[in-house]
Amino acid sequence: WADDDLIVPVPPGVHPRLLFTRENLPSLRERAHIPRYAPLMKTLGDSTVVLARELARAENDSAACAALAKDALFQWGYHPKRCREAALYYQLANDPQVGQTAAAGFRFWLEANPPTDQVVPRESWGSQEYALAYDWIYELLTDAEREHARRLFAAMLGQPTRDMLDREWFAFGPTVTGRRISGANWM
């Protein structure tokens, strides 16, 4: 593949984006204003408004804060999805206020997790929602927040997760990690 130029080298000091580069943004922002994409932009905008409302409620109400923290840590919860949607909306709308809302939602997730020095590998289904949000709000985060997020993502992909995937044959089939799982060789 290296001979086919499928890998685009990232210059030093540039954040390697997952789905689109900074150079792609002007074109994506133009396309976001095409009427065909209006429903998508409305959905992203509405989700950002809900996220801002939830964060404001959590600031003033300890029960709402606890409920939001629980949802923030649940892989398939609403908070991870709203963070991702707000971060994408920030990139497409190029609105600093939207970026601050997305970053605040991401920071809420960071704070709901253990502090950086207490992060340890654990079983996890990962967090593609937060990984994408991280990618799209990268420049809005401090170095300490980025480090905390990197440690959390790395902890989610450690040995406990690989061991779990070997056991969770019912979710992905008995050879998800390339090894046969005893008791699951029914195929």
C-alpha atoms as a PDB file:
ATOM      1  CA  TRP A   1       0.000   0.000   0.000  1.00  0.00           C
ATOM      2  CA  ALA A   2       2.852   2.368   0.650  1.00  0.00           C
ATOM      3  CA  ASP A   3       3.635   2.213  -3.069  1.00  0.00           C
ATOM      4  CA  ASP A   4       0.087   3.369  -3.827  1.00  0.00           C
ATOM      5  CA  ASP A   5       0.391   6.591  -1.778  1.00  0.00           C
ATOM      6  CA  LEU A   6      -2.582   5.650   0.409  1.00  0.00           C
ATOM      7  CA  ILE A   7      -0.915   7.149   3.445  1.00  0.00           C
ATOM      8  CA  VAL A   8      -0.804  10.919   3.580  1.00  0.00           C
ATOM      9  CA  PRO A   9       2.039  12.012   5.861  1.00  0.00           C
ATOM     10  CA  VAL A  10       1.040  14.451   8.581  1.00  0.00           C
ATOM     11  CA  PRO A  11       3.486  17.311   9.085  1.00  0.00           C
ATOM     12  CA  PRO A  12       4.946  17.721  12.584  1.00  0.00           C
ATOM     13  CA  GLY A  13       2.746  19.796  14.878  1.00  0.00           C
ATOM     14  CA  VAL A  14      -0.433  19.127  12.876  1.00  0.00           C
ATOM     15  CA  HIS A  15      -3.261  17.158  14.480  1.00  0.00           C
ATOM     16  CA  PRO A  16      -3.980  14.118  12.283  1.00  0.00           C
ATOM     17  CA  ARG A  17      -7.723  14.247  11.629  1.00  0.00           C
ATOM     18  CA  LEU A  18      -9.788  11.094  11.279  1.00  0.00           C
ATOM     19  CA  LEU A  19     -12.423  11.826   8.639  1.00  0.00           C
ATOM     20  CA  PHE A  20     -11.459  15.107   7.021  1.00  0.00           C
ATOM     21  CA  THR A  21      -8.518  17.487   7.042  1.00  0.00           C
ATOM     22  CA  ARG A  22      -8.444  21.199   7.727  1.00  0.00           C
ATOM     23  CA  GLU A  23      -8.008  21.640   3.991  1.00  0.00           C
ATOM     24  CA  ASN A  24     -11.342  19.853   3.408  1.00  0.00           C
ATOM     25  CA  LEU A  25     -13.281  22.228   5.682  1.00  0.00           C
ATOM     26  CA  PRO A  26     -14.011  25.074   3.225  1.00  0.00           C
ATOM     27  CA  SER A  27     -15.580  22.643   0.777  1.00  0.00           C
ATOM     28  CA  LEU A  28     -17.513  20.847   3.522  1.00  0.00           C
ATOM     29  CA  ARG A  29     -18.776  24.158   4.911  1.00  0.00           C
ATOM     30  CA  GLU A  30     -19.987  25.196   1.465  1.00  0.00           C
ATOM     31  CA  ARG A  31     -21.780  21.900   0.987  1.00  0.00           C
ATOM     32  CA  ALA A  32     -23.401  22.215   4.427  1.00  0.00           C
ATOM     33  CA  HIS A  33     -25.432  25.146   3.063  1.00  0.00           C
ATOM     34  CA  ILE A  34     -26.903  23.160   0.164  1.00  0.00           C
ATOM     35  CA  PRO A  35     -30.662  22.687   0.816  1.00  0.00           C
ATOM     36  CA  ARG A  36     -30.229  18.917   0.626  1.00  0.00           C
ATOM     37  CA  TYR A  37     -28.118  19.051   3.817  1.00  0.00           C
ATOM     38  CA  ALA A  38     -30.436  21.412   5.732  1.00  0.00           C
ATOM     39  CA  PRO A  39     -32.030  18.537   7.709  1.00  0.00           C
ATOM     40  CA  LEU A  40     -28.578  17.331   8.794  1.00  0.00           C
ATOM     41  CA  MET A  41     -27.530  20.809   9.882  1.00  0.00           C
ATOM     42  CA  LYS A  42     -30.828  21.248  11.757  1.00  0.00           C
ATOM     43  CA  THR A  43     -30.319  17.932  13.559  1.00  0.00           C
ATOM     44  CA  LEU A  44     -26.759  18.870  14.528  1.00  0.00           C
ATOM     45  CA  GLY A  45     -27.883  22.328  15.663  1.00  0.00           C
ATOM     46  CA  ASP A  46     -30.796  20.961  17.691  1.00  0.00           C
ATOM     47  CA  SER A  47     -28.528  18.424  19.361  1.00  0.00           C
ATOM     48  CA  THR A  48     -26.094  21.203  20.277  1.00  0.00           C
ATOM     49  CA  VAL A  49     -28.916  23.222  21.867  1.00  0.00           C
ATOM     50  CA  VAL A  50     -29.981  20.191  23.924  1.00  0.00           C
ATOM     51  CA  LEU A  51     -26.381  19.606  25.013  1.00  0.00           C
ATOM     52  CA  ALA A  52     -26.030  23.233  26.140  1.00  0.00           C
ATOM     53  CA  ARG A  53     -29.314  22.991  28.055  1.00  0.00           C
ATOM     54  CA  GLU A  54     -28.251  19.752  29.784  1.00  0.00           C
ATOM     55  CA  LEU A  55     -24.888  21.202  30.790  1.00  0.00           C
ATOM     56  CA  ALA A  56     -26.565  24.329  32.196  1.00  0.00           C
ATOM     57  CA  ARG A  57     -29.045  22.193  34.153  1.00  0.00           C
ATOM     58  CA  ALA A  58     -26.212  20.011  35.500  1.00  0.00           C
ATOM     59  CA  GLU A  59     -24.378  23.114  36.736  1.00  0.00           C
ATOM     60  CA  ASN A  60     -27.261  24.102  39.012  1.00  0.00           C
ATOM     61  CA  ASP A  61     -28.810  20.782  39.999  1.00  0.00           C
ATOM     62  CA  SER A  62     -26.805  17.988  41.624  1.00  0.00           C
ATOM     63  CA  ALA A  63     -29.347  15.307  40.647  1.00  0.00           C
ATOM     64  CA  ALA A  64     -29.227  16.447  37.011  1.00  0.00           C
ATOM     65  CA  CYS A  65     -25.428  16.487  37.203  1.00  0.00           C
ATOM     66  CA  ALA A  66     -25.334  12.914  38.536  1.00  0.00           C
ATOM     67  CA  ALA A  67     -27.752  11.720  35.844  1.00  0.00           C
ATOM     68  CA  LEU A  68     -25.755  13.420  33.106  1.00  0.00           C
ATOM     69  CA  ALA A  69     -22.482  11.976  34.443  1.00  0.00           C
ATOM     70  CA  LYS A  70     -24.005   8.484  34.368  1.00  0.00           C
ATOM     71  CA  ASP A  71     -25.175   9.030  30.781  1.00  0.00           C
ATOM     72  CA  ALA A  72     -21.799  10.513  29.811  1.00  0.00           C
ATOM     73  CA  LEU A  73     -20.056   7.303  30.859  1.00  0.00           C
ATOM     74  CA  PHE A  74     -22.544   5.025  29.086  1.00  0.00           C
ATOM     75  CA  GLN A  75     -21.185   4.175  25.640  1.00  0.00           C
ATOM     76  CA  TRP A  76     -24.592   4.277  23.982  1.00  0.00           C
ATOM     77  CA  GLY A  77     -25.934   7.201  26.025  1.00  0.00           C
ATOM     78  CA  TYR A  78     -27.247  10.477  24.656  1.00  0.00           C
ATOM     79  CA  HIS A  79     -24.356  12.591  25.948  1.00  0.00           C
ATOM     80  CA  PRO A  80     -21.633  10.929  23.817  1.00  0.00           C
ATOM     81  CA  LYS A  81     -23.807  11.290  20.698  1.00  0.00           C
ATOM     82  CA  ARG A  82     -24.587  14.940  21.458  1.00  0.00           C
ATOM     83  CA  CYS A  83     -20.910  15.728  22.046  1.00  0.00           C
ATOM     84  CA  ARG A  84     -20.019  14.236  18.676  1.00  0.00           C
ATOM     85  CA  GLU A  85     -22.851  16.040  16.921  1.00  0.00           C
ATOM     86  CA  ALA A  86     -21.967  19.384  18.527  1.00  0.00           C
ATOM     87  CA  ALA A  87     -18.303  18.945  17.579  1.00  0.00           C
ATOM     88  CA  LEU A  88     -19.207  18.181  13.968  1.00  0.00           C
ATOM     89  CA  TYR A  89     -21.622  21.121  13.919  1.00  0.00           C
ATOM     90  CA  TYR A  90     -18.799  23.327  15.210  1.00  0.00           C
ATOM     91  CA  GLN A  91     -16.602  22.258  12.304  1.00  0.00           C
ATOM     92  CA  LEU A  92     -19.333  22.753   9.695  1.00  0.00           C
ATOM     93  CA  ALA A  93     -20.889  25.950  11.060  1.00  0.00           C
ATOM     94  CA  ASN A  94     -17.534  27.444  12.091  1.00  0.00           C
ATOM     95  CA  ASP A  95     -19.255  28.996  15.117  1.00  0.00           C
ATOM     96  CA  PRO A  96     -17.034  29.599  18.184  1.00  0.00           C
ATOM     97  CA  GLN A  97     -20.021  29.424  20.558  1.00  0.00           C
ATOM     98  CA  VAL A  98     -20.921  25.982  19.215  1.00  0.00           C
ATOM     99  CA  GLY A  99     -17.284  24.966  19.687  1.00  0.00           C
ATOM    100  CA  GLN A 100     -17.406  26.052  23.324  1.00  0.00           C
ATOM    101  CA  THR A 101     -20.562  23.998  23.874  1.00  0.00           C
ATOM    102  CA  ALA A 102     -18.959  20.942  22.270  1.00  0.00           C
ATOM    103  CA  ALA A 103     -15.792  21.409  24.331  1.00  0.00           C
ATOM    104  CA  ALA A 104     -17.836  21.838  27.531  1.00  0.00           C
ATOM    105  CA  GLY A 105     -19.658  18.581  26.808  1.00  0.00           C
ATOM    106  CA  PHE A 106     -16.363  16.803  26.195  1.00  0.00           C
ATOM    107  CA  ARG A 107     -14.886  18.272  29.385  1.00  0.00           C
ATOM    108  CA  PHE A 108     -17.905  16.998  31.311  1.00  0.00           C
ATOM    109  CA  TRP A 109     -17.032  13.481  30.106  1.00  0.00           C
ATOM    110  CA  LEU A 110     -13.385  13.977  31.095  1.00  0.00           C
ATOM    111  CA  GLU A 111     -14.441  15.063  34.592  1.00  0.00           C
ATOM    112  CA  ALA A 112     -16.829  12.093  34.936  1.00  0.00           C
ATOM    113  CA  ASN A 113     -13.827   9.769  34.476  1.00  0.00           C
ATOM    114  CA  PRO A 114     -10.969   9.202  36.927  1.00  0.00           C
ATOM    115  CA  PRO A 115      -8.238  11.877  37.013  1.00  0.00           C
ATOM    116  CA  THR A 116      -5.361  11.429  34.567  1.00  0.00           C
ATOM    117  CA  ASP A 117      -3.001   9.923  37.159  1.00  0.00           C
ATOM    118  CA  GLN A 118      -5.627   7.324  38.174  1.00  0.00           C
ATOM    119  CA  VAL A 119      -6.594   6.058  34.704  1.00  0.00           C
ATOM    120  CA  VAL A 120      -5.955   2.332  34.375  1.00  0.00           C
ATOM    121  CA  PRO A 121      -6.747  -0.130  31.579  1.00  0.00           C
ATOM    122  CA  ARG A 122     -10.276  -1.491  31.901  1.00  0.00           C
ATOM    123  CA  GLU A 123     -12.869  -3.410  29.951  1.00  0.00           C
ATOM    124  CA  SER A 124     -14.548  -1.121  27.477  1.00  0.00           C
ATOM    125  CA  TRP A 125     -16.522  -1.110  24.262  1.00  0.00           C
ATOM    126  CA  GLY A 126     -14.566   2.015  23.403  1.00  0.00           C
ATOM    127  CA  SER A 127     -15.991   5.398  22.647  1.00  0.00           C
ATOM    128  CA  GLN A 128     -16.079   6.312  19.010  1.00  0.00           C
ATOM    129  CA  GLU A 129     -18.416   9.217  19.804  1.00  0.00           C
ATOM    130  CA  TYR A 130     -15.904  10.886  22.111  1.00  0.00           C
ATOM    131  CA  ALA A 131     -12.990   9.981  19.832  1.00  0.00           C
ATOM    132  CA  LEU A 132     -14.622  11.879  16.968  1.00  0.00           C
ATOM    133  CA  ALA A 133     -15.546  14.789  19.242  1.00  0.00           C
ATOM    134  CA  TYR A 134     -11.934  14.915  20.457  1.00  0.00           C
ATOM    135  CA  ASP A 135     -10.751  15.029  16.862  1.00  0.00           C
ATOM    136  CA  TRP A 136     -13.083  17.870  15.913  1.00  0.00           C
ATOM    137  CA  ILE A 137     -12.519  20.071  18.991  1.00  0.00           C
ATOM    138  CA  TYR A 138      -8.835  19.259  19.433  1.00  0.00           C
ATOM    139  CA  GLU A 139      -7.699  22.881  19.111  1.00  0.00           C
ATOM    140  CA  LEU A 140     -10.152  23.976  21.833  1.00  0.00           C
ATOM    141  CA  LEU A 141      -8.694  21.637  24.454  1.00  0.00           C
ATOM    142  CA  THR A 142      -5.739  22.334  26.701  1.00  0.00           C
ATOM    143  CA  ASP A 143      -2.654  20.122  26.633  1.00  0.00           C
ATOM    144  CA  ALA A 144      -3.735  18.625  29.981  1.00  0.00           C
ATOM    145  CA  GLU A 145      -7.217  17.826  28.641  1.00  0.00           C
ATOM    146  CA  ARG A 146      -5.729  16.221  25.541  1.00  0.00           C
ATOM    147  CA  GLU A 147      -3.414  14.095  27.672  1.00  0.00           C
ATOM    148  CA  HIS A 148      -6.303  13.021  29.910  1.00  0.00           C
ATOM    149  CA  ALA A 149      -8.375  12.056  26.852  1.00  0.00           C
ATOM    150  CA  ARG A 150      -5.456  10.155  25.284  1.00  0.00           C
ATOM    151  CA  ARG A 151      -4.972   8.164  28.494  1.00  0.00           C
ATOM    152  CA  LEU A 152      -8.682   7.369  28.666  1.00  0.00           C
ATOM    153  CA  PHE A 153      -8.765   6.209  25.047  1.00  0.00           C
ATOM    154  CA  ALA A 154      -5.629   4.108  25.573  1.00  0.00           C
ATOM    155  CA  ALA A 155      -7.120   2.561  28.734  1.00  0.00           C
ATOM    156  CA  MET A 156     -10.203   1.592  26.739  1.00  0.00           C
ATOM    157  CA  LEU A 157      -8.072  -0.310  24.235  1.00  0.00           C
ATOM    158  CA  GLY A 158      -5.804  -2.145  26.674  1.00  0.00           C
ATOM    159  CA  GLN A 159      -5.495  -5.828  27.533  1.00  0.00           C
ATOM    160  CA  PRO A 160      -8.692  -6.000  29.614  1.00  0.00           C
ATOM    161  CA  THR A 161     -10.689  -4.946  26.551  1.00  0.00           C
ATOM    162  CA  ARG A 162      -8.924  -7.430  24.293  1.00  0.00           C
ATOM    163  CA  ASP A 163      -9.598 -10.173  26.861  1.00  0.00           C
ATOM    164  CA  MET A 164     -13.258  -9.139  27.054  1.00  0.00           C
ATOM    165  CA  LEU A 165     -13.643  -9.333  23.281  1.00  0.00           C
ATOM    166  CA  ASP A 166     -12.361 -12.894  23.414  1.00  0.00           C
ATOM    167  CA  ARG A 167     -15.151 -13.721  25.882  1.00  0.00           C
ATOM    168  CA  GLU A 168     -17.970 -11.734  24.275  1.00  0.00           C
ATOM    169  CA  TRP A 169     -18.442 -14.141  21.385  1.00  0.00           C
ATOM    170  CA  PHE A 170     -22.206 -13.633  21.294  1.00  0.00           C
ATOM    171  CA  ALA A 171     -21.851 -10.015  20.212  1.00  0.00           C
ATOM    172  CA  PHE A 172     -19.450 -10.331  17.292  1.00  0.00           C
ATOM    173  CA  GLY A 173     -19.054 -14.026  16.582  1.00  0.00           C
ATOM    174  CA  PRO A 174     -16.538 -16.536  17.883  1.00  0.00           C
ATOM    175  CA  THR A 175     -13.525 -15.312  15.943  1.00  0.00           C
ATOM    176  CA  VAL A 176     -13.678 -11.557  16.475  1.00  0.00           C
ATOM    177  CA  THR A 177     -10.062 -11.405  17.639  1.00  0.00           C
ATOM    178  CA  GLY A 178      -8.843 -14.156  15.363  1.00  0.00           C
ATOM    179  CA  ARG A 179      -8.868 -16.834  18.061  1.00  0.00           C
ATOM    180  CA  ARG A 180     -11.445 -19.530  18.639  1.00  0.00           C
ATOM    181  CA  ILE A 181     -13.284 -19.220  21.914  1.00  0.00           C
ATOM    182  CA  SER A 182     -14.056 -22.365  23.841  1.00  0.00           C
ATOM    183  CA  GLY A 183     -17.787 -22.997  24.005  1.00  0.00           C
ATOM    184  CA  ALA A 184     -18.414 -20.827  20.963  1.00  0.00           C
ATOM    185  CA  ASN A 185     -17.274 -23.231  18.271  1.00  0.00           C
ATOM    186  CA  TRP A 186     -20.826 -23.946  17.249  1.00  0.00           C
ATOM    187  CA  MET A 187     -20.438 -22.758  13.669  1.00  0.00           C
END
